[in-house]
Amino acid sequence: MIATHPVIFALDASRAFGESVARHLGLALSEHEERSFEDGEHKSRPLVSVRGRDVYVVQSLYGDAQQSVNDKLCRLLFFIGALKDAGASYVTAVVPYLCYARKDKKSQPRDPVTTRYVAGLFESVGAGRVVTLDVHNLAAYQNAFRCNTEHLEANGLFVSWFAPLLADEDVVVVSPDAGGVRRADDFRERLSRALGRTVPAAFAGKLRALGVVTHEPIVGDVRDRCAVIVDDLISTGGTLSATARDCRALGAKAVYAAATHGLFVGAASETLGNEALTGIVVTNSVPAFRIPDGALRQKLAVVDCSVLFAQAIERLHSGGSISSLLQR
């Protein structure tokens, strides 16, 4: 018999996001304890009974000044283990940004496949399911895990943001590389339905060898159109900046970017603060804490993806369909 509602925890580093998820569900976060010790070790435990319950733990796995990626990953794994030891019937890791998802294959001799190792860690502590948002390579993510996985997509949120803005504009959707064509095409189809007209596609080439990225010309017509570049994440901003400059050089009247995860590391603020980009939209899977006041901050918009996770949790708990949620 399914309990009337799930049990929701959010570890301290993602508490604000977790509170938003719980609020959309009409729930409060369940209480837990996290303690750090002088030698750098730590422990965490639930402060409410989880015996026989369907439990969800929210923790986004990005590094910041307080905790590294590895710190957050370990805290999440240890807490899942504590929940299972406390008798939780089923534990789902709700991970808006999944670390190490980009290292999903061997690109050089003796390379690690870190995505698979991370999957093994989740499985070893008893996670029954991992839910994340727009991983870099969906097939690699699904193949790496032996526990259940759910993959959410932000394109519906982005279309809701862009459709009113571009209602009276000629638009083209641009993928910054061949690997992102499926994601960009899904966004293009959704935007076409929202606008009630066909939106064309374009894509840029990108070759990576020994850590050096070479950008190739854009294929497709962007002249006199508003170009929307769609990608899964922004890291240093080099790929996005180069694609935006190419679109401008080919006559695009405006260039926007939609990327699910805004890491904005290194010199991203300077790289993306130039005039090539009209605006950038990201989700709050990673807080925009690295962006100082300035040009990039002024052109950045953040859409809330916590409602998407709340809807997914509601369906998972009640046996509903995630596929129909993503078709919206």
Protein backbone atom coordinates (compact mmCIF):
# COMPACT_ATOMS: atom_id res chain seq x y z
CA MET A 1 0.00 0.00 0.00
CA ILE A 2 1.44 3.37 -1.04
CA ALA A 3 1.61 6.03 1.68
CA THR A 4 -0.37 9.17 1.03
CA HIS A 5 2.72 11.21 0.32
CA PRO A 6 6.45 10.71 -0.26
CA VAL A 7 9.14 11.68 2.22
CA ILE A 8 11.34 14.51 0.87
CA PHE A 9 14.79 15.42 2.15
CA ALA A 10 17.20 18.02 0.80
CA LEU A 11 20.79 18.11 1.95
CA ASP A 12 21.99 21.48 3.23
CA ALA A 13 23.82 22.49 0.04
CA SER A 14 20.59 22.17 -1.99
CA ARG A 15 18.09 23.13 0.68
CA ALA A 16 16.64 26.13 -1.17
CA PHE A 17 15.99 24.03 -4.28
CA GLY A 18 14.55 21.21 -2.18
CA GLU A 19 12.22 23.59 -0.37
CA SER A 20 10.91 24.77 -3.73
CA VAL A 21 10.32 21.18 -4.86
CA ALA A 22 8.49 20.36 -1.62
CA ARG A 23 6.40 23.53 -1.83
CA HIS A 24 5.18 22.57 -5.31
CA LEU A 25 4.13 19.22 -3.81
CA GLY A 26 2.33 20.89 -0.91
CA LEU A 27 4.78 19.30 1.53
CA ALA A 28 7.50 20.35 3.95
CA LEU A 29 11.01 18.95 3.85
CA SER A 30 11.66 16.23 6.38
CA GLU A 31 14.24 17.04 9.03
CA HIS A 32 17.75 15.64 8.97
CA GLU A 33 21.11 16.29 10.62
CA GLU A 34 24.44 16.99 8.96
CA ARG A 35 27.56 17.23 11.11
CA SER A 36 31.09 18.07 10.05
CA PHE A 37 34.10 17.10 12.13
CA GLU A 38 37.42 18.84 12.64
CA ASP A 39 39.30 16.35 10.47
CA GLY A 40 37.06 16.95 7.46
CA GLU A 41 34.87 13.88 7.93
CA HIS A 42 31.11 14.21 8.25
CA LYS A 43 27.94 12.30 8.97
CA SER A 44 24.27 12.75 8.19
CA ARG A 45 21.09 11.03 9.32
CA PRO A 46 17.31 11.43 9.05
CA LEU A 47 15.58 12.82 12.14
CA VAL A 48 12.22 11.25 11.28
CA SER A 49 11.24 7.64 10.76
CA VAL A 50 11.59 6.46 7.16
CA ARG A 51 10.81 2.78 7.78
CA GLY A 52 8.81 1.40 4.88
CA ARG A 53 8.56 4.78 3.18
CA ASP A 54 9.16 6.04 -0.35
CA VAL A 55 11.99 8.55 0.12
CA TYR A 56 13.42 11.24 -2.19
CA VAL A 57 16.71 13.07 -1.51
CA VAL A 58 17.53 16.31 -3.34
CA GLN A 59 21.18 17.21 -3.94
CA SER A 60 22.62 18.96 -7.00
CA LEU A 61 26.20 17.84 -7.62
CA TYR A 62 28.16 20.96 -8.61
CA GLY A 63 31.16 22.38 -6.79
CA ASP A 64 31.19 25.70 -4.96
CA ALA A 65 33.32 27.55 -2.43
CA GLN A 66 31.85 25.59 0.50
CA GLN A 67 31.84 22.03 -0.88
CA SER A 68 33.51 20.39 -3.84
CA VAL A 69 31.72 18.11 -6.28
CA ASN A 70 33.22 15.14 -4.46
CA ASP A 71 32.11 16.45 -1.05
CA LYS A 72 28.52 16.73 -2.25
CA LEU A 73 28.60 13.35 -3.93
CA CYS A 74 29.92 11.64 -0.78
CA ARG A 75 27.37 13.36 1.45
CA LEU A 76 24.55 12.25 -0.83
CA LEU A 77 25.81 8.66 -1.01
CA PHE A 78 26.29 8.39 2.74
CA PHE A 79 22.84 9.81 3.41
CA ILE A 80 21.23 7.34 1.01
CA GLY A 81 23.05 4.55 2.85
CA ALA A 82 21.77 5.86 6.19
CA LEU A 83 18.22 5.94 4.86
CA LYS A 84 18.42 2.34 3.69
CA ASP A 85 19.90 1.27 7.03
CA ALA A 86 16.98 3.06 8.72
CA GLY A 87 14.52 0.89 6.82
CA ALA A 88 13.46 3.10 3.90
CA SER A 89 11.56 0.98 1.41
CA TYR A 90 12.83 2.82 -1.66
CA VAL A 91 15.24 5.75 -2.04
CA THR A 92 15.39 8.02 -5.08
CA ALA A 93 18.32 10.40 -5.58
CA VAL A 94 16.98 13.62 -7.11
CA VAL A 95 20.03 15.18 -8.76
CA PRO A 96 19.28 18.31 -10.84
CA TYR A 97 22.90 18.45 -12.03
CA LEU A 98 24.72 15.10 -12.20
CA CYS A 99 28.48 15.35 -11.81
CA TYR A 100 30.90 13.43 -14.06
CA ALA A 101 28.19 12.90 -16.71
CA ARG A 102 30.50 14.29 -19.42
CA LYS A 103 33.13 11.61 -18.87
CA ASP A 104 31.00 8.89 -20.40
CA LYS A 105 33.42 7.18 -22.80
CA LYS A 106 37.06 6.44 -23.48
CA SER A 107 38.41 9.23 -25.66
CA GLN A 108 42.10 8.35 -25.17
CA PRO A 109 43.98 5.15 -24.32
CA ARG A 110 43.45 4.05 -20.69
CA ASP A 111 40.81 6.74 -20.15
CA PRO A 112 38.35 6.27 -17.27
CA VAL A 113 34.61 6.02 -17.85
CA THR A 114 33.75 7.99 -14.74
CA THR A 115 30.00 8.07 -15.37
CA ARG A 116 29.93 4.29 -14.91
CA TYR A 117 31.96 4.48 -11.68
CA VAL A 118 29.56 7.06 -10.23
CA ALA A 119 26.65 4.80 -11.18
CA GLY A 120 28.28 1.97 -9.27
CA LEU A 121 28.56 4.16 -6.18
CA PHE A 122 24.85 4.97 -6.20
CA GLU A 123 23.99 1.31 -6.62
CA SER A 124 26.35 0.22 -3.83
CA VAL A 125 24.60 2.35 -1.16
CA GLY A 126 21.14 1.13 -2.16
CA ALA A 127 19.74 3.89 -4.36
CA GLY A 128 16.72 2.50 -6.16
CA ARG A 129 16.49 5.29 -8.69
CA VAL A 130 18.37 8.37 -9.91
CA VAL A 131 16.45 11.30 -11.40
CA THR A 132 18.37 14.00 -13.22
CA LEU A 133 17.94 16.73 -15.81
CA ASP A 134 19.45 16.94 -19.32
CA VAL A 135 22.59 14.84 -19.04
CA HIS A 136 25.27 15.32 -21.68
CA ASN A 137 24.71 11.91 -23.29
CA LEU A 138 21.37 10.26 -22.56
CA ALA A 139 22.31 6.81 -23.90
CA ALA A 140 25.52 6.74 -21.84
CA TYR A 141 23.59 7.73 -18.70
CA GLN A 142 20.95 5.06 -19.20
CA ASN A 143 23.53 2.38 -19.98
CA ALA A 144 25.82 3.22 -17.04
CA PHE A 145 23.26 2.62 -14.30
CA ARG A 146 21.85 -0.74 -13.23
CA CYS A 147 19.38 0.89 -10.84
CA ASN A 148 16.38 2.70 -12.31
CA THR A 149 16.96 6.05 -14.00
CA GLU A 150 14.67 8.88 -15.03
CA HIS A 151 15.78 11.68 -17.32
CA LEU A 152 13.93 15.00 -17.30
CA GLU A 153 14.25 17.64 -20.01
CA ALA A 154 14.11 21.43 -19.74
CA ASN A 155 12.97 22.12 -23.31
CA GLY A 156 9.35 22.58 -22.28
CA LEU A 157 10.39 25.25 -19.78
CA PHE A 158 12.55 26.99 -22.37
CA VAL A 159 9.79 27.00 -24.99
CA SER A 160 7.42 28.64 -22.47
CA TRP A 161 10.04 31.37 -21.99
CA PHE A 162 10.91 31.93 -25.65
CA ALA A 163 7.51 31.60 -27.35
CA PRO A 164 6.13 34.99 -26.22
CA LEU A 165 9.46 36.71 -26.91
CA LEU A 166 9.77 35.36 -30.47
CA ALA A 167 6.09 35.32 -31.47
CA ASP A 168 6.59 37.95 -34.18
CA GLU A 169 10.15 37.07 -35.20
CA ASP A 170 11.72 34.84 -37.83
CA VAL A 171 13.53 32.19 -35.79
CA VAL A 172 16.16 29.52 -36.38
CA VAL A 173 17.27 26.95 -33.79
CA VAL A 174 21.00 26.20 -33.74
CA SER A 175 22.83 23.21 -32.30
CA PRO A 176 26.43 24.11 -31.37
CA ASP A 177 27.69 20.62 -32.31
CA ALA A 178 26.57 17.37 -33.89
CA GLY A 179 26.10 15.70 -30.50
CA GLY A 180 23.43 18.20 -29.49
CA VAL A 181 21.28 17.93 -32.62
CA ARG A 182 18.63 15.71 -31.00
CA ARG A 183 18.18 18.11 -28.08
CA ALA A 184 18.04 21.15 -30.36
CA ASP A 185 15.61 19.45 -32.74
CA ASP A 186 13.27 18.57 -29.88
CA PHE A 187 13.30 22.23 -28.83
CA ARG A 188 12.70 23.29 -32.45
CA GLU A 189 9.68 21.01 -32.80
CA ARG A 190 8.19 22.21 -29.53
CA LEU A 191 8.78 25.84 -30.47
CA SER A 192 7.20 25.25 -33.88
CA ARG A 193 4.05 23.95 -32.22
CA ALA A 194 3.97 26.84 -29.77
CA LEU A 195 4.39 29.44 -32.53
CA GLY A 196 2.08 27.67 -34.98
CA ARG A 197 4.65 27.67 -37.78
CA THR A 198 7.69 25.72 -38.86
CA VAL A 199 10.97 26.83 -37.30
CA PRO A 200 14.08 25.91 -39.34
CA ALA A 201 17.26 24.35 -37.96
CA ALA A 202 20.97 24.98 -38.28
CA PHE A 203 24.03 23.47 -36.66
CA ALA A 204 27.68 24.26 -36.09
CA GLY A 205 30.56 21.83 -36.34
CA LYS A 206 32.96 21.18 -33.47
CA LEU A 207 35.99 18.91 -33.49
CA ARG A 208 37.80 18.03 -30.23
CA ALA A 209 41.27 16.45 -30.22
CA LEU A 210 43.75 16.33 -27.34
CA GLY A 211 41.78 18.97 -25.46
CA VAL A 212 41.77 21.43 -28.37
CA VAL A 213 38.39 22.41 -29.82
CA THR A 214 38.12 23.49 -33.45
CA HIS A 215 34.92 25.17 -34.62
CA GLU A 216 33.57 24.63 -38.10
CA PRO A 217 31.19 26.88 -40.12
CA ILE A 218 27.45 26.86 -39.44
CA VAL A 219 25.24 24.82 -41.75
CA GLY A 220 21.85 26.47 -42.26
CA ASP A 221 20.39 29.90 -42.94
CA VAL A 222 20.52 32.34 -40.02
CA ARG A 223 20.49 35.63 -41.97
CA ASP A 224 17.96 38.18 -40.67
CA ARG A 225 16.66 35.67 -38.11
CA CYS A 226 16.71 35.42 -34.35
CA ALA A 227 18.99 32.46 -33.65
CA VAL A 228 18.45 30.35 -30.53
CA ILE A 229 21.44 28.17 -29.63
CA VAL A 230 20.38 25.14 -27.58
CA ASP A 231 22.81 23.14 -25.43
CA ASP A 232 22.87 21.05 -22.27
CA LEU A 233 25.33 23.18 -20.32
CA ILE A 234 27.58 26.22 -20.32
CA SER A 235 31.02 25.67 -18.80
CA THR A 236 33.70 28.18 -19.84
CA GLY A 237 31.43 29.56 -22.56
CA GLY A 238 33.93 29.05 -25.39
CA THR A 239 31.70 26.93 -27.62
CA LEU A 240 28.66 29.14 -27.09
CA SER A 241 30.60 32.34 -27.71
CA ALA A 242 32.14 31.01 -30.93
CA THR A 243 28.76 29.82 -32.23
CA ALA A 244 27.16 33.16 -31.40
CA ARG A 245 29.90 35.07 -33.24
CA ASP A 246 29.48 32.81 -36.28
CA CYS A 247 25.72 33.44 -36.29
CA ARG A 248 26.30 37.19 -36.17
CA ALA A 249 28.89 37.00 -38.94
CA LEU A 250 26.32 35.22 -41.11
CA GLY A 251 23.74 37.96 -40.56
CA ALA A 252 21.66 36.85 -37.57
CA LYS A 253 19.72 39.84 -36.21
CA ALA A 254 19.83 38.52 -32.63
CA VAL A 255 21.37 35.50 -30.90
CA TYR A 256 19.96 33.86 -27.78
CA ALA A 257 21.16 30.79 -25.91
CA ALA A 258 19.23 28.22 -23.90
CA ALA A 259 21.32 25.88 -21.77
CA THR A 260 20.01 23.74 -18.93
CA HIS A 261 23.00 23.92 -16.61
CA GLY A 262 24.89 27.17 -16.17
CA LEU A 263 28.26 26.34 -14.60
CA PHE A 264 29.97 29.55 -15.80
CA VAL A 265 33.48 28.52 -14.75
CA GLY A 266 36.80 30.18 -15.57
CA ALA A 267 36.48 33.33 -17.66
CA ALA A 268 32.88 32.61 -18.72
CA SER A 269 31.63 36.02 -17.58
CA GLU A 270 34.11 37.81 -19.84
CA THR A 271 33.74 35.33 -22.70
CA LEU A 272 29.94 35.59 -22.80
CA GLY A 273 29.63 39.24 -21.89
CA ASN A 274 30.35 40.44 -25.44
CA GLU A 275 27.75 41.83 -27.83
CA ALA A 276 27.36 38.65 -29.90
CA LEU A 277 24.82 37.21 -27.48
CA THR A 278 21.54 39.05 -26.96
CA GLY A 279 20.40 36.91 -24.03
CA ILE A 280 21.08 33.65 -22.19
CA VAL A 281 18.52 31.46 -20.43
CA VAL A 282 19.47 28.71 -17.96
CA THR A 283 17.66 26.75 -15.26
CA ASN A 284 18.36 26.89 -11.54
CA SER A 285 19.80 23.36 -11.49
CA VAL A 286 23.03 25.20 -10.65
CA PRO A 287 22.71 28.61 -8.93
CA ALA A 288 24.31 31.45 -10.88
CA PHE A 289 26.66 32.28 -8.00
CA ARG A 290 29.78 32.64 -10.15
CA ILE A 291 28.47 35.54 -12.24
CA PRO A 292 29.45 39.01 -11.01
CA ASP A 293 27.51 42.16 -11.79
CA GLY A 294 28.14 43.17 -15.38
CA ALA A 295 27.19 42.43 -18.96
CA LEU A 296 26.53 38.71 -18.54
CA ARG A 297 24.44 39.17 -15.42
CA GLN A 298 22.29 41.74 -17.24
CA LYS A 299 21.52 39.43 -20.16
CA LEU A 300 20.94 36.28 -18.06
CA ALA A 301 17.51 34.85 -17.27
CA VAL A 302 16.94 31.87 -14.95
CA VAL A 303 13.89 29.61 -15.20
CA ASP A 304 12.79 27.47 -12.27
CA CYS A 305 13.05 23.73 -12.91
CA SER A 306 11.98 22.70 -9.39
CA VAL A 307 8.37 22.43 -10.56
CA LEU A 308 9.45 19.82 -13.12
CA PHE A 309 11.10 17.73 -10.41
CA ALA A 310 8.04 18.08 -8.18
CA GLN A 311 5.80 16.82 -10.98
CA ALA A 312 8.17 13.91 -11.59
CA ILE A 313 8.22 12.94 -7.90
CA GLU A 314 4.44 13.07 -7.73
CA ARG A 315 4.16 10.73 -10.71
CA LEU A 316 6.88 8.38 -9.54
CA HIS A 317 5.30 8.05 -6.11
CA SER A 318 1.81 7.40 -7.49
CA GLY A 319 2.87 5.20 -10.41
CA GLY A 320 2.17 7.85 -13.04
CA SER A 321 3.87 8.38 -16.39
CA ILE A 322 7.08 10.35 -16.76
CA SER A 323 6.87 10.08 -20.56
CA SER A 324 3.60 12.00 -20.68
CA LEU A 325 5.10 14.66 -18.39
CA LEU A 326 7.97 15.22 -20.83
CA GLN A 327 5.63 15.50 -23.81
CA ARG A 328 4.10 18.69 -22.44
